[in-house]
Amino acid sequence: MEKNTKLVLTIVLLILVVVIIIQNTDPVNLILLFWGFEASLIILLILVFLIGLIIGYTLPKIAKSRIDKNLSENT
């Protein structure tokens, strides 16, 4: 049951993200410290979404490996 709920929530969130990205296509100016450029908001939203996916996937894996390493050193 838990896997089905997780799958449904993932699909709903993915659809929501796609709708938000598709509706925001205007060009925007992005300034990072001394560097600035103009890009389509859709590209920036996709980039931020992908960065979030990567961070959300890797951080729990790193935390779990550290916990497993600490447990194996203590036994």
C-alpha atoms as a PDB file:
ATOM      1  CA  MET A   1       0.000   0.000   0.000  1.00  0.00           C
ATOM      2  CA  GLU A   2       2.825   2.397   0.856  1.00  0.00           C
ATOM      3  CA  LYS A   3       4.501   1.962  -2.543  1.00  0.00           C
ATOM      4  CA  ASN A   4       1.242   2.746  -4.348  1.00  0.00           C
ATOM      5  CA  THR A   5       0.761   5.903  -2.303  1.00  0.00           C
ATOM      6  CA  LYS A   6       4.323   6.982  -2.989  1.00  0.00           C
ATOM      7  CA  LEU A   7       3.895   6.311  -6.711  1.00  0.00           C
ATOM      8  CA  VAL A   8       0.640   8.278  -6.888  1.00  0.00           C
ATOM      9  CA  LEU A   9       2.175  11.227  -5.013  1.00  0.00           C
ATOM     10  CA  THR A  10       5.210  11.172  -7.282  1.00  0.00           C
ATOM     11  CA  ILE A  11       3.045  11.202 -10.404  1.00  0.00           C
ATOM     12  CA  VAL A  12       0.852  14.026  -9.066  1.00  0.00           C
ATOM     13  CA  LEU A  13       3.900  16.116  -8.134  1.00  0.00           C
ATOM     14  CA  LEU A  14       5.518  15.456 -11.503  1.00  0.00           C
ATOM     15  CA  ILE A  15       2.357  16.564 -13.322  1.00  0.00           C
ATOM     16  CA  LEU A  16       2.236  19.697 -11.149  1.00  0.00           C
ATOM     17  CA  VAL A  17       5.867  20.502 -11.937  1.00  0.00           C
ATOM     18  CA  VAL A  18       5.305  20.012 -15.674  1.00  0.00           C
ATOM     19  CA  VAL A  19       2.235  22.297 -15.630  1.00  0.00           C
ATOM     20  CA  ILE A  20       4.127  25.008 -13.749  1.00  0.00           C
ATOM     21  CA  ILE A  21       7.119  24.751 -16.079  1.00  0.00           C
ATOM     22  CA  ILE A  22       4.997  24.875 -19.249  1.00  0.00           C
ATOM     23  CA  GLN A  23       3.144  27.992 -18.079  1.00  0.00           C
ATOM     24  CA  ASN A  24       6.334  29.954 -17.330  1.00  0.00           C
ATOM     25  CA  THR A  25       8.142  30.555 -20.612  1.00  0.00           C
ATOM     26  CA  ASP A  26       9.024  34.253 -20.308  1.00  0.00           C
ATOM     27  CA  PRO A  27      12.655  35.336 -20.602  1.00  0.00           C
ATOM     28  CA  VAL A  28      14.248  36.392 -17.303  1.00  0.00           C
ATOM     29  CA  ASN A  29      17.532  37.999 -16.282  1.00  0.00           C
ATOM     30  CA  LEU A  30      19.663  35.966 -13.915  1.00  0.00           C
ATOM     31  CA  ILE A  31      22.519  37.625 -12.052  1.00  0.00           C
ATOM     32  CA  LEU A  32      25.010  35.514 -10.082  1.00  0.00           C
ATOM     33  CA  LEU A  33      27.645  37.643  -8.342  1.00  0.00           C
ATOM     34  CA  PHE A  34      29.429  39.329 -11.280  1.00  0.00           C
ATOM     35  CA  TRP A  35      27.904  37.216 -14.012  1.00  0.00           C
ATOM     36  CA  GLY A  36      24.537  37.853 -15.613  1.00  0.00           C
ATOM     37  CA  PHE A  37      22.584  36.411 -18.508  1.00  0.00           C
ATOM     38  CA  GLU A  38      19.092  36.175 -19.935  1.00  0.00           C
ATOM     39  CA  ALA A  39      17.400  32.807 -20.288  1.00  0.00           C
ATOM     40  CA  SER A  40      13.952  31.384 -20.660  1.00  0.00           C
ATOM     41  CA  LEU A  41      12.293  30.750 -17.309  1.00  0.00           C
ATOM     42  CA  ILE A  42      11.307  27.269 -18.486  1.00  0.00           C
ATOM     43  CA  ILE A  43      14.993  26.317 -18.829  1.00  0.00           C
ATOM     44  CA  LEU A  44      15.836  27.685 -15.388  1.00  0.00           C
ATOM     45  CA  LEU A  45      12.892  25.874 -13.787  1.00  0.00           C
ATOM     46  CA  ILE A  46      13.907  22.580 -15.396  1.00  0.00           C
ATOM     47  CA  LEU A  47      17.498  23.122 -14.261  1.00  0.00           C
ATOM     48  CA  VAL A  48      16.459  23.848 -10.670  1.00  0.00           C
ATOM     49  CA  PHE A  49      14.109  20.850 -10.681  1.00  0.00           C
ATOM     50  CA  LEU A  50      16.880  18.543 -11.893  1.00  0.00           C
ATOM     51  CA  ILE A  51      19.329  19.898  -9.315  1.00  0.00           C
ATOM     52  CA  GLY A  52      16.707  19.257  -6.627  1.00  0.00           C
ATOM     53  CA  LEU A  53      16.183  15.709  -7.868  1.00  0.00           C
ATOM     54  CA  ILE A  54      19.912  15.005  -7.801  1.00  0.00           C
ATOM     55  CA  ILE A  55      20.339  16.434  -4.301  1.00  0.00           C
ATOM     56  CA  GLY A  56      17.218  14.666  -3.032  1.00  0.00           C
ATOM     57  CA  TYR A  57      18.465  11.360  -4.392  1.00  0.00           C
ATOM     58  CA  THR A  58      22.107  11.554  -3.328  1.00  0.00           C
ATOM     59  CA  LEU A  59      21.904  13.030   0.191  1.00  0.00           C
ATOM     60  CA  PRO A  60      19.864  10.149   1.674  1.00  0.00           C
ATOM     61  CA  LYS A  61      22.253   7.656   0.032  1.00  0.00           C
ATOM     62  CA  ILE A  62      25.266   9.429   1.552  1.00  0.00           C
ATOM     63  CA  ALA A  63      23.606   9.624   4.974  1.00  0.00           C
ATOM     64  CA  LYS A  64      22.685   5.928   4.876  1.00  0.00           C
ATOM     65  CA  SER A  65      26.203   4.903   3.894  1.00  0.00           C
ATOM     66  CA  ARG A  66      27.657   6.948   6.764  1.00  0.00           C
ATOM     67  CA  ILE A  67      25.210   5.391   9.231  1.00  0.00           C
ATOM     68  CA  ASP A  68      26.027   1.903   7.942  1.00  0.00           C
ATOM     69  CA  LYS A  69      29.762   2.659   8.218  1.00  0.00           C
ATOM     70  CA  ASN A  70      29.380   3.890  11.799  1.00  0.00           C
ATOM     71  CA  LEU A  71      27.347   0.833  12.758  1.00  0.00           C
ATOM     72  CA  SER A  72      29.893  -1.552  11.258  1.00  0.00           C
ATOM     73  CA  GLU A  73      32.767   0.210  13.087  1.00  0.00           C
ATOM     74  CA  ASN A  74      30.938  -0.034  16.424  1.00  0.00           C
ATOM     75  CA  THR A  75      30.309  -3.770  16.223  1.00  0.00           C
END
